[in-house]
């Protein structure tokens, strides 16, 4: 038995993630926070909380396959917002390689929370341990790659490794929770505060980082200074 309300705990982590992401974005804008972006992210969190707390997003008996399809549909919808809404597209396309990698750093806290939830029986033990450590590793690798590029090092291999590892982490976790443990964590459980807000942003940050890496093969760090 545990006495922590993990829904509110995850809301707190999402709030920290939003503030951290706004800070990372501000690094390319003379340290000025983008309040419009912040309002959008907090509205997203509020809508997510409303749907999860009232259990109105999905049927409690939804199948794992359909739930996985919904996750990837949500990720695609986030991609549409990032690239088809001009003000957001401008922000995203102007992010440097270091910023895209720094965004992943907050994942260490989410990883720690999964370890805590697993230890307290709020999620399957083995899933929480594996997911917790892989999230911590993904965040740490992102920070290592980001600081390597900021110091002018040729960190191309580090960037590739951080992005591939981080992408696989997200894809494996999404598939595992949908197909194997959905009944244990429930479709409206606290885990969904990570699945439907930060995870899509992290995934697209990885994809954009890889795109920039491939596009800038001659000088992958050209214009990427923080």
Protein backbone atom coordinates (compact mmCIF):
# COMPACT_ATOMS: atom_id res chain seq x y z
CA UNK A 1 0.00 0.00 0.00
CA UNK A 2 1.28 3.45 -0.88
CA UNK A 3 0.10 6.91 0.15
CA UNK A 4 1.25 8.90 -2.87
CA UNK A 5 -1.28 10.13 -5.43
CA UNK A 6 0.69 9.32 -8.56
CA UNK A 7 -1.70 11.20 -10.82
CA UNK A 8 -0.77 14.48 -9.14
CA UNK A 9 2.84 13.38 -8.90
CA UNK A 10 2.95 12.89 -12.69
CA UNK A 11 1.17 16.22 -13.22
CA UNK A 12 3.99 17.77 -11.20
CA UNK A 13 6.57 16.05 -13.41
CA UNK A 14 4.77 17.19 -16.56
CA UNK A 15 4.80 20.74 -15.20
CA UNK A 16 8.53 20.47 -14.55
CA UNK A 17 8.99 19.10 -18.07
CA UNK A 18 7.09 22.02 -19.58
CA UNK A 19 9.14 24.61 -17.68
CA UNK A 20 12.37 22.82 -18.58
CA UNK A 21 11.38 22.61 -22.26
CA UNK A 22 10.53 26.33 -22.30
CA UNK A 23 13.96 27.04 -20.83
CA UNK A 24 15.68 24.93 -23.49
CA UNK A 25 13.73 26.71 -26.23
CA UNK A 26 14.64 30.08 -24.69
CA UNK A 27 18.35 29.35 -25.14
CA UNK A 28 17.97 30.13 -28.83
CA UNK A 29 15.92 33.26 -28.15
CA UNK A 30 18.16 35.35 -25.86
CA UNK A 31 16.81 33.47 -22.82
CA UNK A 32 13.29 34.82 -23.41
CA UNK A 33 10.54 32.40 -22.52
CA UNK A 34 7.89 31.80 -25.19
CA UNK A 35 4.72 32.35 -23.16
CA UNK A 36 2.45 31.40 -26.06
CA UNK A 37 4.14 28.02 -26.26
CA UNK A 38 3.92 27.65 -22.49
CA UNK A 39 0.18 28.41 -22.47
CA UNK A 40 -0.33 25.83 -25.22
CA UNK A 41 1.54 23.14 -23.30
CA UNK A 42 -0.32 23.84 -20.05
CA UNK A 43 -3.66 23.76 -21.88
CA UNK A 44 -2.58 20.39 -23.31
CA UNK A 45 -1.83 19.18 -19.78
CA UNK A 46 -5.18 20.47 -18.48
CA UNK A 47 -7.12 18.70 -21.25
CA UNK A 48 -5.12 15.53 -20.65
CA UNK A 49 -5.87 15.66 -16.91
CA UNK A 50 -9.58 16.25 -17.56
CA UNK A 51 -9.79 13.23 -19.84
CA UNK A 52 -7.76 10.94 -17.61
CA UNK A 53 -9.37 11.97 -14.31
CA UNK A 54 -12.90 11.53 -15.69
CA UNK A 55 -11.91 8.36 -17.58
CA UNK A 56 -13.56 9.74 -20.69
CA UNK A 57 -10.80 9.20 -23.26
CA UNK A 58 -11.06 5.44 -23.73
CA UNK A 59 -13.07 2.44 -22.70
CA UNK A 60 -11.56 0.74 -19.65
CA UNK A 61 -11.71 -2.50 -21.64
CA UNK A 62 -9.92 -1.16 -24.72
CA UNK A 63 -7.70 -3.70 -26.44
CA UNK A 64 -3.94 -3.30 -26.36
CA UNK A 65 -3.63 -3.13 -30.14
CA UNK A 66 -6.22 -0.37 -30.45
CA UNK A 67 -4.57 1.51 -27.60
CA UNK A 68 -1.21 1.28 -29.36
CA UNK A 69 -2.82 2.64 -32.53
CA UNK A 70 -4.22 5.55 -30.48
CA UNK A 71 -0.76 6.29 -29.08
CA UNK A 72 0.80 6.47 -32.54
CA UNK A 73 -2.17 8.50 -33.82
CA UNK A 74 -1.56 10.98 -30.99
CA UNK A 75 2.12 11.13 -31.91
CA UNK A 76 1.18 11.83 -35.53
CA UNK A 77 -1.23 14.57 -34.42
CA UNK A 78 1.57 16.21 -32.44
CA UNK A 79 3.73 16.06 -35.57
CA UNK A 80 0.99 17.83 -37.53
CA UNK A 81 0.89 20.60 -34.92
CA UNK A 82 4.67 20.94 -34.90
CA UNK A 83 5.06 21.24 -38.66
CA UNK A 84 1.80 22.68 -40.00
CA UNK A 85 1.13 25.48 -37.49
CA UNK A 86 3.47 28.27 -38.69
CA UNK A 87 4.43 29.82 -35.30
CA UNK A 88 5.18 26.39 -33.82
CA UNK A 89 6.97 25.25 -36.97
CA UNK A 90 9.23 28.31 -36.75
CA UNK A 91 10.19 27.46 -33.16
CA UNK A 92 10.83 23.80 -33.97
CA UNK A 93 12.88 24.35 -37.12
CA UNK A 94 15.09 26.92 -35.38
CA UNK A 95 16.06 24.59 -32.53
CA UNK A 96 19.75 23.75 -32.58
CA UNK A 97 21.16 20.26 -32.29
CA UNK A 98 22.14 20.95 -28.68
CA UNK A 99 18.65 22.12 -27.78
CA UNK A 100 17.05 19.04 -29.33
CA UNK A 101 19.35 16.85 -27.26
CA UNK A 102 18.97 18.90 -24.07
CA UNK A 103 15.20 18.42 -24.25
CA UNK A 104 15.78 14.73 -23.49
CA UNK A 105 17.56 15.49 -20.21
CA UNK A 106 14.36 15.78 -18.16
CA UNK A 107 13.68 12.10 -18.82
CA UNK A 108 15.97 11.16 -15.94
CA UNK A 109 13.28 12.38 -13.52
CA UNK A 110 10.57 10.41 -15.26
CA UNK A 111 12.79 7.34 -15.14
CA UNK A 112 13.30 7.83 -11.40
CA UNK A 113 9.54 8.15 -10.93
CA UNK A 114 8.94 4.86 -12.71
CA UNK A 115 11.44 3.15 -10.43
CA UNK A 116 9.63 4.63 -7.43
CA UNK A 117 6.21 3.56 -8.69
CA UNK A 118 7.45 0.05 -9.37
CA UNK A 119 8.97 -0.21 -5.89
CA UNK A 120 5.65 0.84 -4.35
CA UNK A 121 3.57 -1.54 -6.45
CA UNK A 122 1.92 1.15 -8.60
CA UNK A 123 3.12 -0.57 -11.78
CA UNK A 124 4.52 -4.02 -12.64
CA UNK A 125 7.92 -4.36 -11.00
CA UNK A 126 9.99 -5.57 -13.96
CA UNK A 127 8.43 -3.07 -16.36
CA UNK A 128 9.06 -0.20 -13.95
CA UNK A 129 12.69 -1.20 -13.37
CA UNK A 130 13.51 -1.59 -17.07
CA UNK A 131 11.54 1.48 -18.16
CA UNK A 132 12.96 3.54 -15.32
CA UNK A 133 16.59 2.77 -16.09
CA UNK A 134 16.21 3.12 -19.87
CA UNK A 135 14.57 6.53 -19.41
CA UNK A 136 17.36 7.61 -17.09
CA UNK A 137 19.92 6.38 -19.62
CA UNK A 138 18.14 8.13 -22.52
CA UNK A 139 18.10 11.43 -20.65
CA UNK A 140 21.74 11.08 -19.60
CA UNK A 141 22.89 10.19 -23.12
CA UNK A 142 21.03 13.22 -24.49
CA UNK A 143 22.82 15.49 -22.02
CA UNK A 144 26.22 13.96 -22.82
CA UNK A 145 25.68 14.47 -26.55
CA UNK A 146 24.40 18.03 -26.01
CA UNK A 147 27.34 19.13 -23.89
CA UNK A 148 29.76 17.41 -26.26
CA UNK A 149 28.50 19.48 -29.19
CA UNK A 150 28.41 22.65 -27.06
CA UNK A 151 32.10 22.17 -26.34
CA UNK A 152 32.90 21.98 -30.05
CA UNK A 153 33.63 18.26 -30.08
CA UNK A 154 32.86 16.06 -33.05
CA UNK A 155 30.00 14.28 -31.31
CA UNK A 156 28.28 12.79 -34.35
CA UNK A 157 28.48 9.22 -33.01
CA UNK A 158 27.22 10.35 -29.59
CA UNK A 159 24.27 12.11 -31.21
CA UNK A 160 23.39 9.06 -33.28
CA UNK A 161 23.62 6.76 -30.26
CA UNK A 162 21.59 9.06 -27.99
CA UNK A 163 18.85 9.42 -30.61
CA UNK A 164 18.62 5.75 -31.58
CA UNK A 165 18.64 4.63 -27.94
CA UNK A 166 16.02 7.22 -26.97
CA UNK A 167 13.77 6.37 -29.90
CA UNK A 168 13.92 2.65 -29.20
CA UNK A 169 13.17 3.31 -25.54
CA UNK A 170 9.97 5.18 -26.41
CA UNK A 171 8.84 2.67 -29.03
CA UNK A 172 9.51 -0.39 -26.86
CA UNK A 173 7.81 1.15 -23.81
CA UNK A 174 4.75 2.19 -25.83
CA UNK A 175 4.43 -1.30 -27.31
CA UNK A 176 5.02 -3.07 -24.01
CA UNK A 177 2.56 -1.06 -21.95
CA UNK A 178 -0.10 -1.38 -24.67
CA UNK A 179 0.27 -5.06 -25.50
CA UNK A 180 1.47 -6.61 -22.23
CA UNK A 181 0.57 -4.59 -19.12
CA UNK A 182 -2.33 -2.29 -20.06
CA UNK A 183 -4.67 -4.16 -17.71
CA UNK A 184 -2.26 -3.55 -14.83
CA UNK A 185 -1.65 0.17 -15.34
CA UNK A 186 -5.15 0.87 -16.84
CA UNK A 187 -5.82 3.13 -19.85
CA UNK A 188 -6.38 6.15 -17.60
CA UNK A 189 -3.58 5.46 -15.11
CA UNK A 190 -0.85 7.85 -14.05
CA UNK A 191 1.55 6.46 -16.67
CA UNK A 192 -0.57 8.13 -19.35
CA UNK A 193 0.56 11.57 -18.18
CA UNK A 194 3.95 10.59 -19.63
CA UNK A 195 2.62 8.72 -22.65
CA UNK A 196 0.41 11.49 -24.03
CA UNK A 197 2.42 14.65 -23.28
CA UNK A 198 6.21 14.45 -22.94
CA UNK A 199 6.74 11.21 -24.87
CA UNK A 200 5.46 12.54 -28.25
CA UNK A 201 7.60 15.67 -27.83
CA UNK A 202 10.68 13.59 -27.01
CA UNK A 203 10.05 11.31 -29.97
CA UNK A 204 9.76 14.21 -32.42
CA UNK A 205 12.86 15.86 -30.91
CA UNK A 206 14.76 12.65 -31.71
CA UNK A 207 13.41 12.54 -35.26
CA UNK A 208 14.24 16.21 -35.92
CA UNK A 209 17.72 15.77 -34.43
CA UNK A 210 18.36 12.79 -36.73
CA UNK A 211 17.04 14.77 -39.71
CA UNK A 212 19.42 17.64 -38.94
CA UNK A 213 22.27 15.17 -38.52
CA UNK A 214 21.64 13.62 -41.92
CA UNK A 215 21.02 16.98 -43.63
CA UNK A 216 24.16 18.59 -42.24
CA UNK A 217 26.54 15.77 -43.08
CA UNK A 218 29.29 18.14 -44.15
CA UNK A 219 29.12 20.22 -40.96
CA UNK A 220 26.55 18.73 -38.55
CA UNK A 221 27.19 21.42 -35.94
CA UNK A 222 27.03 24.41 -38.24
CA UNK A 223 24.95 27.05 -36.50
CA UNK A 224 24.23 24.72 -33.60
CA UNK A 225 25.87 26.68 -30.81
CA UNK A 226 23.63 27.38 -27.85
